[in-house]
């Protein structure tokens, strides 16, 4: 009987010690994309505490975490993100979710309710799909006439607001998923659509996309 009693005390003590080590705390935070747009409906979970919630319409959330924990952000379109939590965390956390900058992904994000059409207009500009651009003589003319947010100087395309005292900050150029140095070799007739991401999905392209991105999709055979 004494053995069972002491065993029970040992198990209870171990449980209380573990609970004390975990030091459950409430963590507040926000999920965004393009560094500023709130993302709603993202599933947020704490790995060690086992709690789960979703971001609200402003991208905000609160969740119970262990003293040392990992907060995981998951959705159907954004890349899964993780944030490490230290004991006695008092600052709120912000997760800047990776958004693959493709036209179909924008539509999917809106369809699932992660962002709104208004959000899309704020961060992303694009040319209508399927329009004939053969009347333009160059990509310079095509971009200048259709994107008021762009400035073109030589081979450098700048998104307004990204200029610095040290000179223009060139946007990243992507053609059919491949990074290029110039758009001079592209004929406007071959363009299917163009998307301009003002804030740049930096997590997708690293520091190279920090000044925004101009993403060109070319027509495939028969289009």
C-alpha atoms as a PDB file:
ATOM      1  CA  UNK A   1       0.000   0.000   0.000  1.00  0.00           C
ATOM      2  CA  UNK A   2       2.828   2.390   0.940  1.00  0.00           C
ATOM      3  CA  UNK A   3       4.523   1.597  -2.361  1.00  0.00           C
ATOM      4  CA  UNK A   4       1.370   2.538  -4.301  1.00  0.00           C
ATOM      5  CA  UNK A   5       1.004   5.728  -2.236  1.00  0.00           C
ATOM      6  CA  UNK A   6       4.565   6.865  -2.889  1.00  0.00           C
ATOM      7  CA  UNK A   7       4.223   5.940  -6.571  1.00  0.00           C
ATOM      8  CA  UNK A   8       1.078   8.063  -6.823  1.00  0.00           C
ATOM      9  CA  UNK A   9       2.836  10.982  -5.123  1.00  0.00           C
ATOM     10  CA  UNK A  10       5.775  10.614  -7.520  1.00  0.00           C
ATOM     11  CA  UNK A  11       3.541  10.603 -10.606  1.00  0.00           C
ATOM     12  CA  UNK A  12       1.549  13.599  -9.345  1.00  0.00           C
ATOM     13  CA  UNK A  13       4.742  15.507  -8.537  1.00  0.00           C
ATOM     14  CA  UNK A  14       6.151  14.759 -11.991  1.00  0.00           C
ATOM     15  CA  UNK A  15       2.916  15.960 -13.593  1.00  0.00           C
ATOM     16  CA  UNK A  16       2.896  19.199 -11.600  1.00  0.00           C
ATOM     17  CA  UNK A  17       6.573  19.762 -12.355  1.00  0.00           C
ATOM     18  CA  UNK A  18       5.956  19.298 -16.074  1.00  0.00           C
ATOM     19  CA  UNK A  19       2.998  21.681 -15.971  1.00  0.00           C
ATOM     20  CA  UNK A  20       5.176  24.212 -14.149  1.00  0.00           C
ATOM     21  CA  UNK A  21       7.946  23.781 -16.720  1.00  0.00           C
ATOM     22  CA  UNK A  22       5.486  24.352 -19.523  1.00  0.00           C
ATOM     23  CA  UNK A  23       4.349  27.603 -17.870  1.00  0.00           C
ATOM     24  CA  UNK A  24       1.235  27.978 -20.024  1.00  0.00           C
ATOM     25  CA  UNK A  25       0.897  31.500 -21.413  1.00  0.00           C
ATOM     26  CA  UNK A  26      -1.493  33.325 -23.736  1.00  0.00           C
ATOM     27  CA  UNK A  27       0.125  34.580 -26.939  1.00  0.00           C
ATOM     28  CA  UNK A  28      -1.388  37.326 -29.091  1.00  0.00           C
ATOM     29  CA  UNK A  29      -0.480  37.948 -32.705  1.00  0.00           C
ATOM     30  CA  UNK A  30      -1.432  38.687 -36.273  1.00  0.00           C
ATOM     31  CA  UNK A  31      -1.084  36.970 -39.638  1.00  0.00           C
ATOM     32  CA  UNK A  32      -0.355  39.169 -42.651  1.00  0.00           C
ATOM     33  CA  UNK A  33       0.849  38.842 -46.221  1.00  0.00           C
ATOM     34  CA  UNK A  34       2.816  41.337 -48.341  1.00  0.00           C
ATOM     35  CA  UNK A  35       4.026  42.639 -44.940  1.00  0.00           C
ATOM     36  CA  UNK A  36       0.769  44.507 -44.298  1.00  0.00           C
ATOM     37  CA  UNK A  37      -2.421  42.833 -45.539  1.00  0.00           C
ATOM     38  CA  UNK A  38      -4.303  40.988 -42.764  1.00  0.00           C
ATOM     39  CA  UNK A  39      -5.075  37.347 -43.552  1.00  0.00           C
ATOM     40  CA  UNK A  40      -8.277  35.868 -42.119  1.00  0.00           C
ATOM     41  CA  UNK A  41      -9.174  32.227 -41.567  1.00  0.00           C
ATOM     42  CA  UNK A  42      -5.614  30.958 -41.062  1.00  0.00           C
ATOM     43  CA  UNK A  43      -5.455  27.927 -38.746  1.00  0.00           C
ATOM     44  CA  UNK A  44      -3.132  28.706 -35.836  1.00  0.00           C
ATOM     45  CA  UNK A  45      -1.973  25.944 -33.474  1.00  0.00           C
ATOM     46  CA  UNK A  46       0.533  25.578 -30.633  1.00  0.00           C
ATOM     47  CA  UNK A  47       2.636  22.457 -31.016  1.00  0.00           C
ATOM     48  CA  UNK A  48       3.376  21.688 -27.361  1.00  0.00           C
ATOM     49  CA  UNK A  49       0.237  23.069 -25.681  1.00  0.00           C
ATOM     50  CA  UNK A  50      -2.020  21.477 -28.304  1.00  0.00           C
ATOM     51  CA  UNK A  51      -4.291  24.531 -28.681  1.00  0.00           C
ATOM     52  CA  UNK A  52      -5.857  25.579 -31.992  1.00  0.00           C
ATOM     53  CA  UNK A  53      -7.665  28.673 -33.266  1.00  0.00           C
ATOM     54  CA  UNK A  54      -8.166  30.803 -36.414  1.00  0.00           C
ATOM     55  CA  UNK A  55      -7.283  34.375 -37.324  1.00  0.00           C
ATOM     56  CA  UNK A  56     -10.189  36.820 -37.345  1.00  0.00           C
ATOM     57  CA  UNK A  57     -11.210  39.306 -40.048  1.00  0.00           C
ATOM     58  CA  UNK A  58      -8.257  41.533 -39.113  1.00  0.00           C
ATOM     59  CA  UNK A  59      -5.773  38.667 -39.079  1.00  0.00           C
ATOM     60  CA  UNK A  60      -5.563  38.677 -35.264  1.00  0.00           C
ATOM     61  CA  UNK A  61      -5.492  35.694 -32.924  1.00  0.00           C
ATOM     62  CA  UNK A  62      -4.809  34.617 -29.355  1.00  0.00           C
ATOM     63  CA  UNK A  63      -3.679  31.128 -28.362  1.00  0.00           C
ATOM     64  CA  UNK A  64      -2.472  29.206 -25.313  1.00  0.00           C
ATOM     65  CA  UNK A  65       1.184  28.129 -25.520  1.00  0.00           C
ATOM     66  CA  UNK A  66       3.619  26.267 -23.315  1.00  0.00           C
ATOM     67  CA  UNK A  67       6.635  28.081 -21.897  1.00  0.00           C
ATOM     68  CA  UNK A  68       8.675  26.871 -24.845  1.00  0.00           C
ATOM     69  CA  UNK A  69       6.463  26.283 -27.822  1.00  0.00           C
ATOM     70  CA  UNK A  70       6.061  26.611 -31.578  1.00  0.00           C
ATOM     71  CA  UNK A  71       3.087  28.395 -33.131  1.00  0.00           C
ATOM     72  CA  UNK A  72       2.175  26.960 -36.544  1.00  0.00           C
ATOM     73  CA  UNK A  73       0.214  28.813 -39.255  1.00  0.00           C
ATOM     74  CA  UNK A  74      -1.520  26.666 -41.901  1.00  0.00           C
ATOM     75  CA  UNK A  75      -3.859  27.284 -44.847  1.00  0.00           C
ATOM     76  CA  UNK A  76      -4.766  25.984 -48.298  1.00  0.00           C
ATOM     77  CA  UNK A  77      -2.738  28.552 -50.230  1.00  0.00           C
ATOM     78  CA  UNK A  78      -0.020  30.127 -48.070  1.00  0.00           C
ATOM     79  CA  UNK A  79       3.115  28.241 -47.179  1.00  0.00           C
ATOM     80  CA  UNK A  80       3.058  26.842 -43.629  1.00  0.00           C
ATOM     81  CA  UNK A  81       4.851  29.191 -41.226  1.00  0.00           C
ATOM     82  CA  UNK A  82       6.245  28.592 -37.731  1.00  0.00           C
ATOM     83  CA  UNK A  83       7.134  30.942 -34.878  1.00  0.00           C
ATOM     84  CA  UNK A  84       9.143  29.869 -31.832  1.00  0.00           C
ATOM     85  CA  UNK A  85       7.798  30.998 -28.474  1.00  0.00           C
ATOM     86  CA  UNK A  86      10.067  31.610 -25.481  1.00  0.00           C
ATOM     87  CA  UNK A  87       9.009  31.480 -21.807  1.00  0.00           C
ATOM     88  CA  UNK A  88       7.240  34.587 -20.483  1.00  0.00           C
ATOM     89  CA  UNK A  89       6.752  36.077 -23.940  1.00  0.00           C
ATOM     90  CA  UNK A  90       5.078  39.480 -23.651  1.00  0.00           C
ATOM     91  CA  UNK A  91       5.403  40.871 -27.178  1.00  0.00           C
ATOM     92  CA  UNK A  92       2.800  39.955 -29.770  1.00  0.00           C
ATOM     93  CA  UNK A  93       4.011  37.981 -32.784  1.00  0.00           C
ATOM     94  CA  UNK A  94       3.469  38.725 -36.463  1.00  0.00           C
ATOM     95  CA  UNK A  95       3.613  36.044 -39.144  1.00  0.00           C
ATOM     96  CA  UNK A  96       4.279  37.380 -42.655  1.00  0.00           C
ATOM     97  CA  UNK A  97       2.905  34.504 -44.712  1.00  0.00           C
ATOM     98  CA  UNK A  98       4.523  33.486 -47.974  1.00  0.00           C
ATOM     99  CA  UNK A  99       2.196  34.121 -50.898  1.00  0.00           C
ATOM    100  CA  UNK A 100       3.306  32.647 -54.251  1.00  0.00           C
ATOM    101  CA  UNK A 101       2.822  35.629 -56.613  1.00  0.00           C
ATOM    102  CA  UNK A 102       0.786  34.023 -59.364  1.00  0.00           C
ATOM    103  CA  UNK A 103      -2.555  35.226 -60.691  1.00  0.00           C
ATOM    104  CA  UNK A 104      -4.347  31.947 -59.950  1.00  0.00           C
ATOM    105  CA  UNK A 105      -3.117  32.050 -56.341  1.00  0.00           C
ATOM    106  CA  UNK A 106      -4.590  35.510 -55.850  1.00  0.00           C
ATOM    107  CA  UNK A 107      -7.954  34.243 -57.071  1.00  0.00           C
ATOM    108  CA  UNK A 108      -7.727  31.194 -54.792  1.00  0.00           C
ATOM    109  CA  UNK A 109      -6.857  33.367 -51.787  1.00  0.00           C
ATOM    110  CA  UNK A 110      -9.916  35.533 -52.451  1.00  0.00           C
ATOM    111  CA  UNK A 111     -12.146  32.485 -53.020  1.00  0.00           C
ATOM    112  CA  UNK A 112     -11.161  30.989 -49.659  1.00  0.00           C
ATOM    113  CA  UNK A 113     -11.703  34.334 -47.971  1.00  0.00           C
ATOM    114  CA  UNK A 114      -8.102  34.801 -46.829  1.00  0.00           C
ATOM    115  CA  UNK A 115      -7.964  38.247 -48.424  1.00  0.00           C
ATOM    116  CA  UNK A 116     -10.609  40.486 -49.988  1.00  0.00           C
ATOM    117  CA  UNK A 117     -10.868  41.970 -53.445  1.00  0.00           C
ATOM    118  CA  UNK A 118     -10.074  45.331 -51.846  1.00  0.00           C
ATOM    119  CA  UNK A 119      -6.883  43.849 -50.364  1.00  0.00           C
ATOM    120  CA  UNK A 120      -5.861  42.602 -53.789  1.00  0.00           C
ATOM    121  CA  UNK A 121      -6.230  46.065 -55.317  1.00  0.00           C
ATOM    122  CA  UNK A 122      -4.120  47.536 -52.510  1.00  0.00           C
ATOM    123  CA  UNK A 123      -1.118  45.280 -53.020  1.00  0.00           C
ATOM    124  CA  UNK A 124      -1.397  43.907 -56.547  1.00  0.00           C
ATOM    125  CA  UNK A 125      -1.988  45.387 -59.985  1.00  0.00           C
ATOM    126  CA  UNK A 126      -2.411  43.331 -63.126  1.00  0.00           C
ATOM    127  CA  UNK A 127      -3.384  43.510 -66.768  1.00  0.00           C
ATOM    128  CA  UNK A 128      -6.550  41.754 -67.905  1.00  0.00           C
ATOM    129  CA  UNK A 129      -5.944  38.187 -69.027  1.00  0.00           C
ATOM    130  CA  UNK A 130      -6.472  37.446 -72.703  1.00  0.00           C
ATOM    131  CA  UNK A 131      -6.195  41.041 -73.943  1.00  0.00           C
ATOM    132  CA  UNK A 132      -4.317  41.681 -77.192  1.00  0.00           C
ATOM    133  CA  UNK A 133      -1.181  43.764 -76.581  1.00  0.00           C
ATOM    134  CA  UNK A 134       0.149  43.685 -80.142  1.00  0.00           C
ATOM    135  CA  UNK A 135      -0.517  47.394 -80.603  1.00  0.00           C
ATOM    136  CA  UNK A 136       2.401  48.226 -78.331  1.00  0.00           C
ATOM    137  CA  UNK A 137       5.822  48.518 -79.912  1.00  0.00           C
ATOM    138  CA  UNK A 138       7.802  47.602 -76.801  1.00  0.00           C
ATOM    139  CA  UNK A 139       7.478  46.331 -73.232  1.00  0.00           C
ATOM    140  CA  UNK A 140       8.495  49.799 -72.059  1.00  0.00           C
ATOM    141  CA  UNK A 141       5.461  51.303 -73.786  1.00  0.00           C
ATOM    142  CA  UNK A 142       3.186  48.502 -72.550  1.00  0.00           C
ATOM    143  CA  UNK A 143       4.231  48.936 -68.929  1.00  0.00           C
ATOM    144  CA  UNK A 144       4.269  52.742 -68.957  1.00  0.00           C
ATOM    145  CA  UNK A 145       0.737  53.032 -70.351  1.00  0.00           C
ATOM    146  CA  UNK A 146      -0.882  50.380 -68.169  1.00  0.00           C
ATOM    147  CA  UNK A 147       0.818  50.734 -64.782  1.00  0.00           C
ATOM    148  CA  UNK A 148       0.895  54.228 -63.307  1.00  0.00           C
ATOM    149  CA  UNK A 149       2.747  52.814 -60.305  1.00  0.00           C
ATOM    150  CA  UNK A 150       5.788  51.959 -62.448  1.00  0.00           C
ATOM    151  CA  UNK A 151       8.721  54.139 -63.438  1.00  0.00           C
ATOM    152  CA  UNK A 152      11.060  52.869 -66.137  1.00  0.00           C
ATOM    153  CA  UNK A 153      14.596  54.251 -66.412  1.00  0.00           C
ATOM    154  CA  UNK A 154      16.865  52.369 -68.723  1.00  0.00           C
ATOM    155  CA  UNK A 155      16.688  48.732 -67.757  1.00  0.00           C
ATOM    156  CA  UNK A 156      15.490  49.487 -64.228  1.00  0.00           C
ATOM    157  CA  UNK A 157      11.778  49.217 -63.481  1.00  0.00           C
ATOM    158  CA  UNK A 158      10.866  50.932 -60.226  1.00  0.00           C
ATOM    159  CA  UNK A 159       7.594  50.669 -58.321  1.00  0.00           C
ATOM    160  CA  UNK A 160       6.655  54.089 -56.983  1.00  0.00           C
ATOM    161  CA  UNK A 161       7.352  54.386 -53.293  1.00  0.00           C
ATOM    162  CA  UNK A 162      10.483  52.238 -53.493  1.00  0.00           C
ATOM    163  CA  UNK A 163      12.806  55.055 -54.560  1.00  0.00           C
ATOM    164  CA  UNK A 164      15.613  55.977 -52.151  1.00  0.00           C
ATOM    165  CA  UNK A 165      18.197  58.753 -51.844  1.00  0.00           C
ATOM    166  CA  UNK A 166      20.767  56.328 -53.227  1.00  0.00           C
ATOM    167  CA  UNK A 167      18.874  55.964 -56.475  1.00  0.00           C
ATOM    168  CA  UNK A 168      16.134  53.753 -57.892  1.00  0.00           C
ATOM    169  CA  UNK A 169      15.406  50.393 -56.297  1.00  0.00           C
ATOM    170  CA  UNK A 170      14.761  48.052 -59.218  1.00  0.00           C
ATOM    171  CA  UNK A 171      11.884  45.605 -59.020  1.00  0.00           C
ATOM    172  CA  UNK A 172      12.486  41.911 -59.577  1.00  0.00           C
ATOM    173  CA  UNK A 173      11.595  40.739 -63.095  1.00  0.00           C
ATOM    174  CA  UNK A 174      10.078  37.278 -63.514  1.00  0.00           C
ATOM    175  CA  UNK A 175       9.055  35.716 -66.842  1.00  0.00           C
ATOM    176  CA  UNK A 176       7.215  32.384 -66.754  1.00  0.00           C
ATOM    177  CA  UNK A 177       8.589  31.712 -63.287  1.00  0.00           C
ATOM    178  CA  UNK A 178      12.204  32.527 -64.164  1.00  0.00           C
ATOM    179  CA  UNK A 179      14.088  35.589 -62.945  1.00  0.00           C
ATOM    180  CA  UNK A 180      15.439  37.760 -65.785  1.00  0.00           C
ATOM    181  CA  UNK A 181      17.549  40.891 -65.961  1.00  0.00           C
ATOM    182  CA  UNK A 182      15.552  42.654 -68.656  1.00  0.00           C
ATOM    183  CA  UNK A 183      12.237  42.530 -70.524  1.00  0.00           C
ATOM    184  CA  UNK A 184      13.713  43.981 -73.709  1.00  0.00           C
ATOM    185  CA  UNK A 185      13.723  40.639 -75.501  1.00  0.00           C
ATOM    186  CA  UNK A 186       9.973  40.130 -75.006  1.00  0.00           C
ATOM    187  CA  UNK A 187       7.493  41.094 -77.724  1.00  0.00           C
ATOM    188  CA  UNK A 188       4.221  42.566 -76.367  1.00  0.00           C
ATOM    189  CA  UNK A 189       2.276  40.272 -78.719  1.00  0.00           C
ATOM    190  CA  UNK A 190       3.576  37.286 -76.751  1.00  0.00           C
ATOM    191  CA  UNK A 191       2.314  38.572 -73.393  1.00  0.00           C
ATOM    192  CA  UNK A 192      -0.585  36.758 -71.774  1.00  0.00           C
ATOM    193  CA  UNK A 193      -0.733  38.822 -68.588  1.00  0.00           C
ATOM    194  CA  UNK A 194       1.410  40.931 -66.275  1.00  0.00           C
ATOM    195  CA  UNK A 195       1.155  41.161 -62.485  1.00  0.00           C
ATOM    196  CA  UNK A 196       2.860  43.874 -60.430  1.00  0.00           C
ATOM    197  CA  UNK A 197       3.301  43.171 -56.737  1.00  0.00           C
ATOM    198  CA  UNK A 198       3.956  46.466 -55.039  1.00  0.00           C
ATOM    199  CA  UNK A 199       5.345  45.161 -51.772  1.00  0.00           C
ATOM    200  CA  UNK A 200       7.110  42.193 -53.256  1.00  0.00           C
ATOM    201  CA  UNK A 201       6.547  38.721 -51.827  1.00  0.00           C
ATOM    202  CA  UNK A 202       9.979  38.845 -50.244  1.00  0.00           C
ATOM    203  CA  UNK A 203       9.654  35.471 -48.606  1.00  0.00           C
ATOM    204  CA  UNK A 204       9.238  33.875 -52.028  1.00  0.00           C
ATOM    205  CA  UNK A 205      12.248  35.494 -53.717  1.00  0.00           C
ATOM    206  CA  UNK A 206      14.268  36.503 -50.667  1.00  0.00           C
ATOM    207  CA  UNK A 207      15.890  39.925 -50.583  1.00  0.00           C
ATOM    208  CA  UNK A 208      15.781  40.059 -54.375  1.00  0.00           C
ATOM    209  CA  UNK A 209      12.029  40.657 -54.235  1.00  0.00           C
ATOM    210  CA  UNK A 210      12.194  43.323 -51.564  1.00  0.00           C
ATOM    211  CA  UNK A 211      11.564  46.127 -54.072  1.00  0.00           C
ATOM    212  CA  UNK A 212       8.479  44.529 -55.564  1.00  0.00           C
ATOM    213  CA  UNK A 213       8.125  42.271 -58.560  1.00  0.00           C
ATOM    214  CA  UNK A 214       6.943  42.471 -62.157  1.00  0.00           C
ATOM    215  CA  UNK A 215       5.703  39.031 -63.176  1.00  0.00           C
ATOM    216  CA  UNK A 216       5.119  38.318 -66.859  1.00  0.00           C
ATOM    217  CA  UNK A 217       3.305  35.269 -68.189  1.00  0.00           C
ATOM    218  CA  UNK A 218       3.771  34.522 -71.876  1.00  0.00           C
ATOM    219  CA  UNK A 219       1.285  32.877 -74.213  1.00  0.00           C
ATOM    220  CA  UNK A 220       1.727  29.211 -74.850  1.00  0.00           C
ATOM    221  CA  UNK A 221       1.494  27.649 -78.296  1.00  0.00           C
ATOM    222  CA  UNK A 222      -1.921  28.177 -79.841  1.00  0.00           C
ATOM    223  CA  UNK A 223      -3.024  30.943 -77.474  1.00  0.00           C
END
